[in-house]
Amino acid sequence: MIEIRQENKNDYEEVYNLIKTAFKTAEHSDGNEHDLVVKLRKSDSFIPELSLVAIKDDKIVGYILFTKIKIDKYEEIALAPLGVLPEYQNQGVGGRLIKEGHEIAKKLGYHYSVVLGSDTYYPKFGYIPAIQYGIKAPFEVPNQNFMAMKLNNTDLEIKGVVKYAQEFEI
């Protein structure tokens, strides 16, 4: 049984090691995702309610973080990173973290979530190329890898270039 809950300070070291391990063999990684999370936790873009861990048998096996971004004048969220220990991958852990994060984000009033990632994985959870909403990445990336999804049935159409937290160094 997998439990999803908000991360707390006692989890930081375990989460750091999890992210480092999870991204060690990732196809697209700069190798610094674990350090990015440390920086983001100290930033104004950090949303504690959207820093989640997946626990199985008293062990943290997955982690997800959504942070604040700006699109035009609107504050929305970006999913980054999502990490699952290799031995727990392909078991639905990442999907559970994404879905729980989306539910919390809706309750917090966010309208859109963006992600830079796999065009075969994230569409399973409702992500489509962000350009279809008029949302653009602040860097060169194939349209199919920069995705967004509406978190609720808002009529609010948000268009523009995403401005990430400075900790992303974009």
C-alpha atoms as a PDB file:
ATOM      1  CA  MET A   1       0.000   0.000   0.000  1.00  0.00           C
ATOM      2  CA  ILE A   2       1.343   3.396  -1.011  1.00  0.00           C
ATOM      3  CA  GLU A   3       0.663   6.451   1.153  1.00  0.00           C
ATOM      4  CA  ILE A   4       0.987   9.959  -0.300  1.00  0.00           C
ATOM      5  CA  ARG A   5       1.608  12.803   2.124  1.00  0.00           C
ATOM      6  CA  GLN A   6       3.180  16.233   2.343  1.00  0.00           C
ATOM      7  CA  GLU A   7       6.943  16.206   2.770  1.00  0.00           C
ATOM      8  CA  ASN A   8       8.312  17.444   6.085  1.00  0.00           C
ATOM      9  CA  LYS A   9      11.786  18.524   7.222  1.00  0.00           C
ATOM     10  CA  ASN A  10      12.561  15.043   8.553  1.00  0.00           C
ATOM     11  CA  ASP A  11      12.231  13.738   4.975  1.00  0.00           C
ATOM     12  CA  TYR A  12      14.766  16.095   3.383  1.00  0.00           C
ATOM     13  CA  GLU A  13      17.824  13.840   3.478  1.00  0.00           C
ATOM     14  CA  GLU A  14      15.912  10.772   2.269  1.00  0.00           C
ATOM     15  CA  VAL A  15      14.280  12.797  -0.519  1.00  0.00           C
ATOM     16  CA  TYR A  16      17.662  14.233  -1.546  1.00  0.00           C
ATOM     17  CA  ASN A  17      19.092  10.731  -1.912  1.00  0.00           C
ATOM     18  CA  LEU A  18      15.965   9.461  -3.672  1.00  0.00           C
ATOM     19  CA  ILE A  19      16.122  12.187  -6.311  1.00  0.00           C
ATOM     20  CA  LYS A  20      19.829  11.654  -6.827  1.00  0.00           C
ATOM     21  CA  THR A  21      19.249   7.914  -7.320  1.00  0.00           C
ATOM     22  CA  ALA A  22      16.132   8.291  -9.460  1.00  0.00           C
ATOM     23  CA  PHE A  23      17.789  10.685 -11.903  1.00  0.00           C
ATOM     24  CA  LYS A  24      21.123   8.837 -12.083  1.00  0.00           C
ATOM     25  CA  THR A  25      19.886   6.778 -15.039  1.00  0.00           C
ATOM     26  CA  ALA A  26      17.289   9.226 -16.399  1.00  0.00           C
ATOM     27  CA  GLU A  27      17.348   9.810 -20.136  1.00  0.00           C
ATOM     28  CA  HIS A  28      17.068  13.593 -19.731  1.00  0.00           C
ATOM     29  CA  SER A  29      18.831  14.904 -16.638  1.00  0.00           C
ATOM     30  CA  ASP A  30      21.380  17.559 -15.808  1.00  0.00           C
ATOM     31  CA  GLY A  31      22.400  15.595 -12.711  1.00  0.00           C
ATOM     32  CA  ASN A  32      21.478  18.445 -10.373  1.00  0.00           C
ATOM     33  CA  GLU A  33      17.790  17.806  -9.691  1.00  0.00           C
ATOM     34  CA  HIS A  34      18.488  16.948  -6.030  1.00  0.00           C
ATOM     35  CA  ASP A  35      20.296  20.274  -5.502  1.00  0.00           C
ATOM     36  CA  LEU A  36      17.528  22.145  -7.329  1.00  0.00           C
ATOM     37  CA  VAL A  37      14.972  20.858  -4.818  1.00  0.00           C
ATOM     38  CA  VAL A  38      17.114  22.127  -1.929  1.00  0.00           C
ATOM     39  CA  LYS A  39      17.220  25.588  -3.539  1.00  0.00           C
ATOM     40  CA  LEU A  40      13.502  25.588  -4.383  1.00  0.00           C
ATOM     41  CA  ARG A  41      12.497  24.773  -0.796  1.00  0.00           C
ATOM     42  CA  LYS A  42      14.170  28.038   0.272  1.00  0.00           C
ATOM     43  CA  SER A  43      12.561  30.116  -2.498  1.00  0.00           C
ATOM     44  CA  ASP A  44       9.410  32.215  -2.748  1.00  0.00           C
ATOM     45  CA  SER A  45       8.135  29.786  -5.377  1.00  0.00           C
ATOM     46  CA  PHE A  46       7.984  26.876  -2.900  1.00  0.00           C
ATOM     47  CA  ILE A  47       4.501  25.599  -2.024  1.00  0.00           C
ATOM     48  CA  PRO A  48       4.806  23.232   0.963  1.00  0.00           C
ATOM     49  CA  GLU A  49       1.436  21.595   0.224  1.00  0.00           C
ATOM     50  CA  LEU A  50       2.744  20.597  -3.225  1.00  0.00           C
ATOM     51  CA  SER A  51       5.942  18.934  -2.031  1.00  0.00           C
ATOM     52  CA  LEU A  52       4.782  15.333  -1.722  1.00  0.00           C
ATOM     53  CA  VAL A  53       6.294  11.975  -0.885  1.00  0.00           C
ATOM     54  CA  ALA A  54       5.100   8.450  -1.627  1.00  0.00           C
ATOM     55  CA  ILE A  55       5.726   5.983   1.183  1.00  0.00           C
ATOM     56  CA  LYS A  56       5.735   2.199   1.077  1.00  0.00           C
ATOM     57  CA  ASP A  57       6.768   0.036   4.026  1.00  0.00           C
ATOM     58  CA  ASP A  58       7.980   3.109   5.987  1.00  0.00           C
ATOM     59  CA  LYS A  59      10.302   4.083   3.118  1.00  0.00           C
ATOM     60  CA  ILE A  60      10.053   7.103   0.823  1.00  0.00           C
ATOM     61  CA  VAL A  61       9.881   5.614  -2.675  1.00  0.00           C
ATOM     62  CA  GLY A  62       8.738   8.659  -4.678  1.00  0.00           C
ATOM     63  CA  TYR A  63       8.750  12.441  -4.631  1.00  0.00           C
ATOM     64  CA  ILE A  64       7.083  15.241  -6.569  1.00  0.00           C
ATOM     65  CA  LEU A  65       7.358  19.008  -6.375  1.00  0.00           C
ATOM     66  CA  PHE A  66       5.203  21.680  -7.964  1.00  0.00           C
ATOM     67  CA  THR A  67       6.456  25.272  -7.686  1.00  0.00           C
ATOM     68  CA  LYS A  68       5.035  28.666  -8.589  1.00  0.00           C
ATOM     69  CA  ILE A  69       5.610  30.076 -12.053  1.00  0.00           C
ATOM     70  CA  LYS A  70       4.303  33.161 -13.833  1.00  0.00           C
ATOM     71  CA  ILE A  71       2.485  33.145 -17.151  1.00  0.00           C
ATOM     72  CA  ASP A  72       1.650  36.705 -18.110  1.00  0.00           C
ATOM     73  CA  LYS A  73       0.238  38.164 -14.869  1.00  0.00           C
ATOM     74  CA  TYR A  74      -0.984  34.826 -13.529  1.00  0.00           C
ATOM     75  CA  GLU A  75       0.611  32.622 -10.904  1.00  0.00           C
ATOM     76  CA  GLU A  76       0.425  28.973 -11.916  1.00  0.00           C
ATOM     77  CA  ILE A  77       2.552  25.870 -11.220  1.00  0.00           C
ATOM     78  CA  ALA A  78       5.297  23.781 -12.768  1.00  0.00           C
ATOM     79  CA  LEU A  79       5.878  20.112 -12.031  1.00  0.00           C
ATOM     80  CA  ALA A  80       9.587  19.506 -11.428  1.00  0.00           C
ATOM     81  CA  PRO A  81      10.949  17.160 -10.409  1.00  0.00           C
ATOM     82  CA  LEU A  82       9.140  13.843 -10.192  1.00  0.00           C
ATOM     83  CA  GLY A  83      11.349  11.006  -8.994  1.00  0.00           C
ATOM     84  CA  VAL A  84      10.704   7.382  -8.092  1.00  0.00           C
ATOM     85  CA  LEU A  85      13.298   4.904  -6.867  1.00  0.00           C
ATOM     86  CA  PRO A  86      14.217   2.578  -9.759  1.00  0.00           C
ATOM     87  CA  GLU A  87      12.911  -0.556  -8.037  1.00  0.00           C
ATOM     88  CA  TYR A  88       9.470   1.099  -7.618  1.00  0.00           C
ATOM     89  CA  GLN A  89       9.154   2.515 -11.143  1.00  0.00           C
ATOM     90  CA  ASN A  90       6.413   1.273 -13.477  1.00  0.00           C
ATOM     91  CA  GLN A  91       4.185   0.497 -10.485  1.00  0.00           C
ATOM     92  CA  GLY A  92       1.995   3.625 -10.560  1.00  0.00           C
ATOM     93  CA  VAL A  93       3.869   5.574  -7.875  1.00  0.00           C
ATOM     94  CA  GLY A  94       4.585   8.562 -10.134  1.00  0.00           C
ATOM     95  CA  GLY A  95       1.000   8.631 -11.351  1.00  0.00           C
ATOM     96  CA  ARG A  96      -0.346   8.644  -7.812  1.00  0.00           C
ATOM     97  CA  LEU A  97       1.947  11.563  -6.928  1.00  0.00           C
ATOM     98  CA  ILE A  98       0.874  13.521 -10.027  1.00  0.00           C
ATOM     99  CA  LYS A  99      -2.848  12.965  -9.411  1.00  0.00           C
ATOM    100  CA  GLU A 100      -2.618  13.899  -5.724  1.00  0.00           C
ATOM    101  CA  GLY A 101      -0.602  16.998  -6.604  1.00  0.00           C
ATOM    102  CA  HIS A 102      -3.205  18.048  -9.168  1.00  0.00           C
ATOM    103  CA  GLU A 103      -6.036  17.640  -6.635  1.00  0.00           C
ATOM    104  CA  ILE A 104      -4.221  19.765  -4.054  1.00  0.00           C
ATOM    105  CA  ALA A 105      -3.323  22.388  -6.679  1.00  0.00           C
ATOM    106  CA  LYS A 106      -6.987  22.672  -7.722  1.00  0.00           C
ATOM    107  CA  LYS A 107      -7.999  23.246  -4.094  1.00  0.00           C
ATOM    108  CA  LEU A 108      -5.291  25.917  -3.797  1.00  0.00           C
ATOM    109  CA  GLY A 109      -6.799  27.732  -6.793  1.00  0.00           C
ATOM    110  CA  TYR A 110      -4.260  27.054  -9.542  1.00  0.00           C
ATOM    111  CA  HIS A 111      -5.571  26.808 -13.107  1.00  0.00           C
ATOM    112  CA  TYR A 112      -2.664  25.366 -15.097  1.00  0.00           C
ATOM    113  CA  SER A 113       0.321  23.097 -14.537  1.00  0.00           C
ATOM    114  CA  VAL A 114       3.274  22.903 -16.928  1.00  0.00           C
ATOM    115  CA  VAL A 115       5.931  20.233 -17.254  1.00  0.00           C
ATOM    116  CA  LEU A 116       9.035  19.656 -19.325  1.00  0.00           C
ATOM    117  CA  GLY A 117       9.244  15.936 -19.845  1.00  0.00           C
ATOM    118  CA  SER A 118       8.410  12.740 -21.650  1.00  0.00           C
ATOM    119  CA  ASP A 119       5.784  13.062 -24.355  1.00  0.00           C
ATOM    120  CA  THR A 120       4.849   9.417 -23.803  1.00  0.00           C
ATOM    121  CA  TYR A 121       4.424   9.639 -20.004  1.00  0.00           C
ATOM    122  CA  TYR A 122       2.792  12.951 -19.066  1.00  0.00           C
ATOM    123  CA  PRO A 123      -0.067  12.871 -21.612  1.00  0.00           C
ATOM    124  CA  LYS A 124      -1.496   9.923 -19.598  1.00  0.00           C
ATOM    125  CA  PHE A 125      -2.320  12.490 -16.909  1.00  0.00           C
ATOM    126  CA  GLY A 126      -3.904  15.126 -19.144  1.00  0.00           C
ATOM    127  CA  TYR A 127      -0.861  17.076 -20.332  1.00  0.00           C
ATOM    128  CA  ILE A 128      -0.829  18.307 -23.928  1.00  0.00           C
ATOM    129  CA  PRO A 129       1.708  20.452 -25.786  1.00  0.00           C
ATOM    130  CA  ALA A 130       1.548  23.809 -23.968  1.00  0.00           C
ATOM    131  CA  ILE A 131       1.571  25.675 -27.265  1.00  0.00           C
ATOM    132  CA  GLN A 132      -2.016  24.468 -27.759  1.00  0.00           C
ATOM    133  CA  TYR A 133      -2.978  26.762 -24.874  1.00  0.00           C
ATOM    134  CA  GLY A 134      -0.710  29.564 -26.101  1.00  0.00           C
ATOM    135  CA  ILE A 135       1.801  28.828 -23.336  1.00  0.00           C
ATOM    136  CA  LYS A 136       5.459  28.895 -24.377  1.00  0.00           C
ATOM    137  CA  ALA A 137       8.714  27.742 -22.813  1.00  0.00           C
ATOM    138  CA  PRO A 138      11.394  30.359 -22.061  1.00  0.00           C
ATOM    139  CA  PHE A 139      13.944  28.160 -23.896  1.00  0.00           C
ATOM    140  CA  GLU A 140      14.181  26.105 -27.057  1.00  0.00           C
ATOM    141  CA  VAL A 141      12.465  22.744 -26.647  1.00  0.00           C
ATOM    142  CA  PRO A 142      10.376  20.512 -28.906  1.00  0.00           C
ATOM    143  CA  ASN A 143       6.675  21.383 -28.512  1.00  0.00           C
ATOM    144  CA  GLN A 144       5.784  17.804 -27.613  1.00  0.00           C
ATOM    145  CA  ASN A 145       8.097  17.913 -24.557  1.00  0.00           C
ATOM    146  CA  PHE A 146       6.867  21.195 -23.055  1.00  0.00           C
ATOM    147  CA  MET A 147       3.349  20.446 -21.885  1.00  0.00           C
ATOM    148  CA  ALA A 148       0.546  21.979 -19.880  1.00  0.00           C
ATOM    149  CA  MET A 149      -2.797  20.937 -18.540  1.00  0.00           C
ATOM    150  CA  LYS A 150      -5.822  22.729 -17.212  1.00  0.00           C
ATOM    151  CA  LEU A 151      -6.368  21.748 -13.621  1.00  0.00           C
ATOM    152  CA  ASN A 152     -10.011  22.803 -13.573  1.00  0.00           C
ATOM    153  CA  ASN A 153     -12.782  23.811 -15.946  1.00  0.00           C
ATOM    154  CA  THR A 154     -11.819  27.463 -15.930  1.00  0.00           C
ATOM    155  CA  ASP A 155     -12.683  29.679 -18.870  1.00  0.00           C
ATOM    156  CA  LEU A 156      -9.564  31.654 -18.039  1.00  0.00           C
ATOM    157  CA  GLU A 157      -7.246  31.513 -21.026  1.00  0.00           C
ATOM    158  CA  ILE A 158      -3.703  32.167 -19.943  1.00  0.00           C
ATOM    159  CA  LYS A 159      -1.197  32.767 -22.706  1.00  0.00           C
ATOM    160  CA  GLY A 160       2.447  33.777 -22.723  1.00  0.00           C
ATOM    161  CA  VAL A 161       5.968  32.706 -21.914  1.00  0.00           C
ATOM    162  CA  VAL A 162       6.516  30.836 -18.649  1.00  0.00           C
ATOM    163  CA  LYS A 163       8.710  32.579 -16.108  1.00  0.00           C
ATOM    164  CA  TYR A 164      10.262  29.983 -13.823  1.00  0.00           C
ATOM    165  CA  ALA A 165      11.651  30.617 -10.348  1.00  0.00           C
ATOM    166  CA  GLN A 166      15.199  31.988 -10.547  1.00  0.00           C
ATOM    167  CA  GLU A 167      16.472  28.806  -8.876  1.00  0.00           C
ATOM    168  CA  PHE A 168      15.902  26.976 -12.169  1.00  0.00           C
ATOM    169  CA  GLU A 169      18.607  29.235 -13.654  1.00  0.00           C
ATOM    170  CA  ILE A 170      16.710  29.609 -16.924  1.00  0.00           C
END
